[in-house]
Each structure stands twice: as structure tokens, then as C-alpha cells.
PDB file of all heavy atoms in Angstrom:
ATOM      1  N   GLY A   1      10.773  30.993 -12.288  1.00  0.00           N
ATOM      2  CA  GLY A   1      11.078  31.847 -11.159  1.00  0.00           C
ATOM      3  C   GLY A   1       9.937  32.087 -10.203  1.00  0.00           C
ATOM      4  O   GLY A   1      10.084  32.885  -9.273  1.00  0.00           O
ATOM      5  N   LYS A   2       8.806  31.421 -10.403  1.00  0.00           N
ATOM      6  CA  LYS A   2       7.654  31.642  -9.548  1.00  0.00           C
ATOM      7  C   LYS A   2       7.228  30.352  -8.861  1.00  0.00           C
ATOM      8  O   LYS A   2       7.567  29.253  -9.297  1.00  0.00           O
ATOM      9  CB  LYS A   2       6.486  32.213 -10.356  1.00  0.00           C
ATOM     10  CG  LYS A   2       6.757  33.584 -10.942  1.00  0.00           C
ATOM     11  CD  LYS A   2       5.510  34.196 -11.534  1.00  0.00           C
ATOM     12  CE  LYS A   2       5.773  35.608 -12.017  1.00  0.00           C
ATOM     13  NZ  LYS A   2       4.553  36.242 -12.546  1.00  0.00           N
ATOM     14  N   GLN A   3       6.479  30.515  -7.786  1.00  0.00           N
ATOM     15  CA  GLN A   3       5.943  29.376  -7.061  1.00  0.00           C
ATOM     16  C   GLN A   3       4.875  28.668  -7.891  1.00  0.00           C
ATOM     17  O   GLN A   3       4.198  29.283  -8.722  1.00  0.00           O
ATOM     18  CB  GLN A   3       5.335  29.827  -5.734  1.00  0.00           C
ATOM     19  CG  GLN A   3       6.317  30.429  -4.744  1.00  0.00           C
ATOM     20  CD  GLN A   3       7.054  29.377  -3.945  1.00  0.00           C
ATOM     21  OE1 GLN A   3       6.837  28.182  -4.114  1.00  0.00           O
ATOM     22  NE2 GLN A   3       7.928  29.812  -3.068  1.00  0.00           N
ATOM     23  N   ARG A   4       4.735  27.386  -7.658  1.00  0.00           N
ATOM     24  CA  ARG A   4       3.647  26.643  -8.251  1.00  0.00           C
ATOM     25  C   ARG A   4       2.322  27.215  -7.765  1.00  0.00           C
ATOM     26  O   ARG A   4       2.157  27.484  -6.570  1.00  0.00           O
ATOM     27  CB  ARG A   4       3.755  25.164  -7.872  1.00  0.00           C
ATOM     28  CG  ARG A   4       2.758  24.263  -8.573  1.00  0.00           C
ATOM     29  CD  ARG A   4       2.886  22.839  -8.064  1.00  0.00           C
ATOM     30  NE  ARG A   4       2.456  22.725  -6.677  1.00  0.00           N
ATOM     31  CZ  ARG A   4       2.710  21.684  -5.900  1.00  0.00           C
ATOM     32  NH1 ARG A   4       3.419  20.666  -6.365  1.00  0.00           N
ATOM     33  NH2 ARG A   4       2.260  21.665  -4.653  1.00  0.00           N
ATOM     34  N   GLU A   5       1.383  27.385  -8.677  1.00  0.00           N
ATOM     35  CA  GLU A   5       0.125  28.035  -8.376  1.00  0.00           C
ATOM     36  C   GLU A   5      -1.041  27.090  -8.646  1.00  0.00           C
ATOM     37  O   GLU A   5      -1.130  26.480  -9.717  1.00  0.00           O
ATOM     38  CB  GLU A   5      -0.040  29.306  -9.212  1.00  0.00           C
ATOM     39  CG  GLU A   5      -1.334  30.061  -8.959  1.00  0.00           C
ATOM     40  CD  GLU A   5      -1.506  31.263  -9.871  1.00  0.00           C
ATOM     41  OE1 GLU A   5      -0.692  31.421 -10.802  1.00  0.00           O
ATOM     42  OE2 GLU A   5      -2.449  32.046  -9.642  1.00  0.00           O
ATOM     43  N   PHE A   6      -1.934  26.997  -7.687  1.00  0.00           N
ATOM     44  CA  PHE A   6      -3.156  26.235  -7.864  1.00  0.00           C
ATOM     45  C   PHE A   6      -4.054  26.919  -8.885  1.00  0.00           C
ATOM     46  O   PHE A   6      -4.283  28.126  -8.824  1.00  0.00           O
ATOM     47  CB  PHE A   6      -3.893  26.104  -6.527  1.00  0.00           C
ATOM     48  CG  PHE A   6      -5.293  25.592  -6.649  1.00  0.00           C
ATOM     49  CD1 PHE A   6      -5.545  24.253  -6.897  1.00  0.00           C
ATOM     50  CD2 PHE A   6      -6.371  26.456  -6.516  1.00  0.00           C
ATOM     51  CE1 PHE A   6      -6.839  23.778  -7.009  1.00  0.00           C
ATOM     52  CE2 PHE A   6      -7.670  25.990  -6.619  1.00  0.00           C
ATOM     53  CZ  PHE A   6      -7.895  24.650  -6.868  1.00  0.00           C
ATOM     54  N   VAL A   7      -4.595  26.130  -9.815  1.00  0.00           N
ATOM     55  CA  VAL A   7      -5.453  26.660 -10.865  1.00  0.00           C
ATOM     56  C   VAL A   7      -6.891  26.191 -10.694  1.00  0.00           C
ATOM     57  O   VAL A   7      -7.814  27.004 -10.667  1.00  0.00           O
ATOM     58  CB  VAL A   7      -4.937  26.268 -12.262  1.00  0.00           C
ATOM     59  CG1 VAL A   7      -5.919  26.720 -13.346  1.00  0.00           C
ATOM     60  CG2 VAL A   7      -3.555  26.867 -12.503  1.00  0.00           C
ATOM     61  N   ALA A   8      -7.093  24.877 -10.592  1.00  0.00           N
ATOM     62  CA  ALA A   8      -8.448  24.344 -10.537  1.00  0.00           C
ATOM     63  C   ALA A   8      -8.427  22.930  -9.992  1.00  0.00           C
ATOM     64  O   ALA A   8      -7.436  22.212 -10.126  1.00  0.00           O
ATOM     65  CB  ALA A   8      -9.102  24.359 -11.920  1.00  0.00           C
ATOM     66  N   VAL A   9      -9.528  22.522  -9.378  1.00  0.00           N
ATOM     67  CA  VAL A   9      -9.683  21.157  -8.903  1.00  0.00           C
ATOM     68  C   VAL A   9     -11.077  20.653  -9.243  1.00  0.00           C
ATOM     69  O   VAL A   9     -12.059  21.393  -9.140  1.00  0.00           O
ATOM     70  CB  VAL A   9      -9.417  21.046  -7.378  1.00  0.00           C
ATOM     71  CG1 VAL A   9     -10.348  21.955  -6.578  1.00  0.00           C
ATOM     72  CG2 VAL A   9      -9.531  19.603  -6.909  1.00  0.00           C
ATOM     73  N   LEU A  10     -11.141  19.402  -9.664  1.00  0.00           N
ATOM     74  CA  LEU A  10     -12.397  18.689  -9.858  1.00  0.00           C
ATOM     75  C   LEU A  10     -12.358  17.470  -8.960  1.00  0.00           C
ATOM     76  O   LEU A  10     -11.591  16.534  -9.205  1.00  0.00           O
ATOM     77  CB  LEU A  10     -12.583  18.298 -11.322  1.00  0.00           C
ATOM     78  CG  LEU A  10     -13.777  17.399 -11.661  1.00  0.00           C
ATOM     79  CD1 LEU A  10     -15.081  18.013 -11.193  1.00  0.00           C
ATOM     80  CD2 LEU A  10     -13.816  17.124 -13.153  1.00  0.00           C
ATOM     81  N   ALA A  11     -13.152  17.484  -7.914  1.00  0.00           N
ATOM     82  CA  ALA A  11     -13.203  16.366  -6.990  1.00  0.00           C
ATOM     83  C   ALA A  11     -14.001  15.218  -7.586  1.00  0.00           C
ATOM     84  O   ALA A  11     -14.839  15.411  -8.476  1.00  0.00           O
ATOM     85  CB  ALA A  11     -13.817  16.806  -5.666  1.00  0.00           C
ATOM     86  N   SER A  12     -13.739  14.023  -7.094  1.00  0.00           N
ATOM     87  CA  SER A  12     -14.429  12.843  -7.604  1.00  0.00           C
ATOM     88  C   SER A  12     -15.934  12.945  -7.418  1.00  0.00           C
ATOM     89  O   SER A  12     -16.693  12.387  -8.213  1.00  0.00           O
ATOM     90  CB  SER A  12     -13.891  11.583  -6.930  1.00  0.00           C
ATOM     91  OG  SER A  12     -14.085  11.630  -5.524  1.00  0.00           O
ATOM     92  N   GLY A  13     -16.359  13.669  -6.376  1.00  0.00           N
ATOM     93  CA  GLY A  13     -17.773  13.871  -6.144  1.00  0.00           C
ATOM     94  C   GLY A  13     -18.401  14.968  -6.970  1.00  0.00           C
ATOM     95  O   GLY A  13     -19.611  15.186  -6.876  1.00  0.00           O
ATOM     96  N   GLY A  14     -17.612  15.679  -7.752  1.00  0.00           N
ATOM     97  CA  GLY A  14     -18.132  16.704  -8.640  1.00  0.00           C
ATOM     98  C   GLY A  14     -17.907  18.134  -8.201  1.00  0.00           C
ATOM     99  O   GLY A  14     -18.221  19.060  -8.951  1.00  0.00           O
ATOM    100  N   THR A  15     -17.369  18.336  -7.016  1.00  0.00           N
ATOM    101  CA  THR A  15     -17.119  19.683  -6.526  1.00  0.00           C
ATOM    102  C   THR A  15     -16.020  20.357  -7.340  1.00  0.00           C
ATOM    103  O   THR A  15     -14.996  19.743  -7.638  1.00  0.00           O
ATOM    104  CB  THR A  15     -16.733  19.650  -5.044  1.00  0.00           C
ATOM    105  OG1 THR A  15     -17.803  19.083  -4.294  1.00  0.00           O
ATOM    106  CG2 THR A  15     -16.445  21.051  -4.527  1.00  0.00           C
ATOM    107  N   LEU A  16     -16.233  21.622  -7.680  1.00  0.00           N
ATOM    108  CA  LEU A  16     -15.276  22.417  -8.439  1.00  0.00           C
ATOM    109  C   LEU A  16     -14.759  23.568  -7.592  1.00  0.00           C
ATOM    110  O   LEU A  16     -15.493  24.137  -6.789  1.00  0.00           O
ATOM    111  CB  LEU A  16     -15.930  23.001  -9.692  1.00  0.00           C
ATOM    112  CG  LEU A  16     -16.691  22.048 -10.612  1.00  0.00           C
ATOM    113  CD1 LEU A  16     -17.403  22.839 -11.698  1.00  0.00           C
ATOM    114  CD2 LEU A  16     -15.748  21.022 -11.215  1.00  0.00           C
ATOM    115  N   ASN A  17     -13.499  23.917  -7.803  1.00  0.00           N
ATOM    116  CA  ASN A  17     -12.949  25.097  -7.171  1.00  0.00           C
ATOM    117  C   ASN A  17     -11.823  25.628  -8.042  1.00  0.00           C
ATOM    118  O   ASN A  17     -11.200  24.875  -8.793  1.00  0.00           O
ATOM    119  CB  ASN A  17     -12.444  24.800  -5.765  1.00  0.00           C
ATOM    120  CG  ASN A  17     -12.524  26.007  -4.856  1.00  0.00           C
ATOM    121  OD1 ASN A  17     -12.746  27.132  -5.295  1.00  0.00           O
ATOM    122  ND2 ASN A  17     -12.337  25.779  -3.561  1.00  0.00           N
ATOM    123  N   TYR A  18     -11.561  26.947  -7.920  1.00  0.00           N
ATOM    124  CA  TYR A  18     -10.596  27.620  -8.779  1.00  0.00           C
ATOM    125  C   TYR A  18      -9.729  28.572  -7.988  1.00  0.00           C
ATOM    126  O   TYR A  18     -10.149  29.115  -6.961  1.00  0.00           O
ATOM    127  CB  TYR A  18     -11.317  28.413  -9.877  1.00  0.00           C
ATOM    128  CG  TYR A  18     -12.171  27.564 -10.771  1.00  0.00           C
ATOM    129  CD1 TYR A  18     -13.517  27.353 -10.480  1.00  0.00           C
ATOM    130  CD2 TYR A  18     -11.629  26.950 -11.895  1.00  0.00           C
ATOM    131  CE1 TYR A  18     -14.300  26.558 -11.304  1.00  0.00           C
ATOM    132  CE2 TYR A  18     -12.415  26.151 -12.718  1.00  0.00           C
ATOM    133  CZ  TYR A  18     -13.746  25.962 -12.409  1.00  0.00           C
ATOM    134  OH  TYR A  18     -14.518  25.170 -13.222  1.00  0.00           O
ATOM    135  N   GLY A  19      -8.511  28.764  -8.482  1.00  0.00           N
ATOM    136  CA  GLY A  19      -7.678  29.793  -7.926  1.00  0.00           C
ATOM    137  C   GLY A  19      -8.227  31.172  -8.243  1.00  0.00           C
ATOM    138  O   GLY A  19      -8.878  31.382  -9.270  1.00  0.00           O
ATOM    139  N   GLY A  20      -7.958  32.108  -7.349  1.00  0.00           N
ATOM    140  CA  GLY A  20      -8.537  33.432  -7.483  1.00  0.00           C
ATOM    141  C   GLY A  20      -8.176  34.154  -8.770  1.00  0.00           C
ATOM    142  O   GLY A  20      -8.989  34.918  -9.307  1.00  0.00           O
ATOM    143  N   SER A  21      -6.996  33.916  -9.299  1.00  0.00           N
ATOM    144  CA  SER A  21      -6.557  34.623 -10.490  1.00  0.00           C
ATOM    145  C   SER A  21      -7.218  34.127 -11.768  1.00  0.00           C
ATOM    146  O   SER A  21      -7.145  34.803 -12.801  1.00  0.00           O
ATOM    147  CB  SER A  21      -5.033  34.533 -10.630  1.00  0.00           C
ATOM    148  OG  SER A  21      -4.618  33.193 -10.822  1.00  0.00           O
ATOM    149  N   VAL A  22      -7.859  32.964 -11.728  1.00  0.00           N
ATOM    150  CA  VAL A  22      -8.483  32.402 -12.925  1.00  0.00           C
ATOM    151  C   VAL A  22      -9.984  32.250 -12.782  1.00  0.00           C
ATOM    152  O   VAL A  22     -10.659  31.916 -13.769  1.00  0.00           O
ATOM    153  CB  VAL A  22      -7.856  31.047 -13.307  1.00  0.00           C
ATOM    154  CG1 VAL A  22      -6.341  31.159 -13.394  1.00  0.00           C
ATOM    155  CG2 VAL A  22      -8.258  29.956 -12.320  1.00  0.00           C
ATOM    156  N   LYS A  23     -10.512  32.488 -11.614  1.00  0.00           N
ATOM    157  CA  LYS A  23     -11.938  32.314 -11.368  1.00  0.00           C
ATOM    158  C   LYS A  23     -12.757  33.188 -12.310  1.00  0.00           C
ATOM    159  O   LYS A  23     -12.484  34.374 -12.479  1.00  0.00           O
ATOM    160  CB  LYS A  23     -12.250  32.642  -9.912  1.00  0.00           C
ATOM    161  CG  LYS A  23     -13.618  32.197  -9.439  1.00  0.00           C
ATOM    162  CD  LYS A  23     -13.745  32.366  -7.925  1.00  0.00           C
ATOM    163  CE  LYS A  23     -12.745  31.494  -7.182  1.00  0.00           C
ATOM    164  NZ  LYS A  23     -12.886  31.597  -5.703  1.00  0.00           N
ATOM    165  N   GLY A  24     -13.751  32.578 -12.923  1.00  0.00           N
ATOM    166  CA  GLY A  24     -14.591  33.279 -13.878  1.00  0.00           C
ATOM    167  C   GLY A  24     -14.096  33.203 -15.298  1.00  0.00           C
ATOM    168  O   GLY A  24     -14.844  33.551 -16.230  1.00  0.00           O
ATOM    169  N   ARG A  25     -12.867  32.773 -15.503  1.00  0.00           N
ATOM    170  CA  ARG A  25     -12.299  32.666 -16.841  1.00  0.00           C
ATOM    171  C   ARG A  25     -12.008  31.223 -17.247  1.00  0.00           C
ATOM    172  O   ARG A  25     -12.073  30.896 -18.434  1.00  0.00           O
ATOM    173  CB  ARG A  25     -11.004  33.478 -16.944  1.00  0.00           C
ATOM    174  CG  ARG A  25     -11.193  34.967 -16.684  1.00  0.00           C
ATOM    175  CD  ARG A  25      -9.904  35.738 -16.972  1.00  0.00           C
ATOM    176  NE  ARG A  25      -8.811  35.344 -16.086  1.00  0.00           N
ATOM    177  CZ  ARG A  25      -7.647  34.836 -16.496  1.00  0.00           C
ATOM    178  NH1 ARG A  25      -7.412  34.679 -17.798  1.00  0.00           N
ATOM    179  NH2 ARG A  25      -6.705  34.522 -15.615  1.00  0.00           N
ATOM    180  N   PHE A  26     -11.657  30.368 -16.283  1.00  0.00           N
ATOM    181  CA  PHE A  26     -11.285  28.978 -16.559  1.00  0.00           C
ATOM    182  C   PHE A  26     -12.375  28.042 -16.059  1.00  0.00           C
ATOM    183  O   PHE A  26     -13.058  28.328 -15.062  1.00  0.00           O
ATOM    184  CB  PHE A  26      -9.977  28.609 -15.858  1.00  0.00           C
ATOM    185  CG  PHE A  26      -8.732  29.265 -16.416  1.00  0.00           C
ATOM    186  CD1 PHE A  26      -8.800  30.314 -17.311  1.00  0.00           C
ATOM    187  CD2 PHE A  26      -7.486  28.807 -16.008  1.00  0.00           C
ATOM    188  CE1 PHE A  26      -7.647  30.911 -17.805  1.00  0.00           C
ATOM    189  CE2 PHE A  26      -6.333  29.390 -16.499  1.00  0.00           C
ATOM    190  CZ  PHE A  26      -6.403  30.443 -17.392  1.00  0.00           C
ATOM    191  N   THR A  27     -12.504  26.897 -16.732  1.00  0.00           N
ATOM    192  CA  THR A  27     -13.464  25.878 -16.333  1.00  0.00           C
ATOM    193  C   THR A  27     -12.815  24.506 -16.416  1.00  0.00           C
ATOM    194  O   THR A  27     -12.251  24.144 -17.452  1.00  0.00           O
ATOM    195  CB  THR A  27     -14.716  25.898 -17.226  1.00  0.00           C
ATOM    196  OG1 THR A  27     -15.308  27.200 -17.209  1.00  0.00           O
ATOM    197  CG2 THR A  27     -15.735  24.876 -16.730  1.00  0.00           C
ATOM    198  N   ILE A  28     -12.909  23.742 -15.334  1.00  0.00           N
ATOM    199  CA  ILE A  28     -12.415  22.371 -15.328  1.00  0.00           C
ATOM    200  C   ILE A  28     -13.592  21.423 -15.524  1.00  0.00           C
ATOM    201  O   ILE A  28     -14.692  21.666 -15.010  1.00  0.00           O
ATOM    202  CB  ILE A  28     -11.648  22.055 -14.025  1.00  0.00           C
ATOM    203  CG1 ILE A  28     -10.974  20.674 -14.105  1.00  0.00           C
ATOM    204  CG2 ILE A  28     -12.556  22.159 -12.807  1.00  0.00           C
ATOM    205  CD1 ILE A  28     -10.019  20.395 -12.940  1.00  0.00           C
ATOM    206  N   SER A  29     -13.372  20.352 -16.273  1.00  0.00           N
ATOM    207  CA  SER A  29     -14.428  19.384 -16.533  1.00  0.00           C
ATOM    208  C   SER A  29     -13.821  18.010 -16.768  1.00  0.00           C
ATOM    209  O   SER A  29     -12.607  17.872 -16.957  1.00  0.00           O
ATOM    210  CB  SER A  29     -15.286  19.800 -17.729  1.00  0.00           C
ATOM    211  OG  SER A  29     -14.511  19.843 -18.920  1.00  0.00           O
ATOM    212  N   ARG A  30     -14.665  16.993 -16.771  1.00  0.00           N
ATOM    213  CA  ARG A  30     -14.225  15.622 -16.963  1.00  0.00           C
ATOM    214  C   ARG A  30     -15.138  14.924 -17.948  1.00  0.00           C
ATOM    215  O   ARG A  30     -16.367  15.078 -17.897  1.00  0.00           O
ATOM    216  CB  ARG A  30     -14.225  14.879 -15.612  1.00  0.00           C
ATOM    217  CG  ARG A  30     -13.649  13.476 -15.672  1.00  0.00           C
ATOM    218  CD  ARG A  30     -13.710  12.804 -14.302  1.00  0.00           C
ATOM    219  NE  ARG A  30     -15.068  12.421 -13.944  1.00  0.00           N
ATOM    220  CZ  ARG A  30     -15.724  12.860 -12.890  1.00  0.00           C
ATOM    221  NH1 ARG A  30     -15.144  13.721 -12.054  1.00  0.00           N
ATOM    222  NH2 ARG A  30     -16.956  12.448 -12.652  1.00  0.00           N
ATOM    223  N   ASP A  31     -14.550  14.144 -18.841  1.00  0.00           N
ATOM    224  CA  ASP A  31     -15.293  13.312 -19.775  1.00  0.00           C
ATOM    225  C   ASP A  31     -15.002  11.854 -19.419  1.00  0.00           C
ATOM    226  O   ASP A  31     -13.907  11.355 -19.683  1.00  0.00           O
ATOM    227  CB  ASP A  31     -14.884  13.615 -21.216  1.00  0.00           C
ATOM    228  CG  ASP A  31     -15.720  12.874 -22.237  1.00  0.00           C
ATOM    229  OD1 ASP A  31     -16.368  11.865 -21.894  1.00  0.00           O
ATOM    230  OD2 ASP A  31     -15.729  13.309 -23.403  1.00  0.00           O
ATOM    231  N   ASP A  32     -15.973  11.195 -18.814  1.00  0.00           N
ATOM    232  CA  ASP A  32     -15.753   9.821 -18.364  1.00  0.00           C
ATOM    233  C   ASP A  32     -15.569   8.853 -19.530  1.00  0.00           C
ATOM    234  O   ASP A  32     -14.871   7.844 -19.396  1.00  0.00           O
ATOM    235  CB  ASP A  32     -16.921   9.360 -17.493  1.00  0.00           C
ATOM    236  CG  ASP A  32     -16.959  10.070 -16.155  1.00  0.00           C
ATOM    237  OD1 ASP A  32     -15.891  10.493 -15.668  1.00  0.00           O
ATOM    238  OD2 ASP A  32     -18.060  10.200 -15.582  1.00  0.00           O
TER     239      ASP A  32
END
């Protein structure tokens, strides 16, 4: 019943960003 919500992004260049509701609690990472 809710809209899709952005959580986190990891750009190919390494830039990270988070949705406001999860910032400080969630971490996105990549293992090549």
C-alpha cells in the first residue's frame, strides 16, 4: 500500500547516498 522508496545507491565511481529514513543506520557496499 505504499510507494516505492529509495534506500541507498552505490555508484560505479564509489559515491554513496541514502534515503533520509535510513541514513546513519544502513550501509551499502560492494565486494568485487
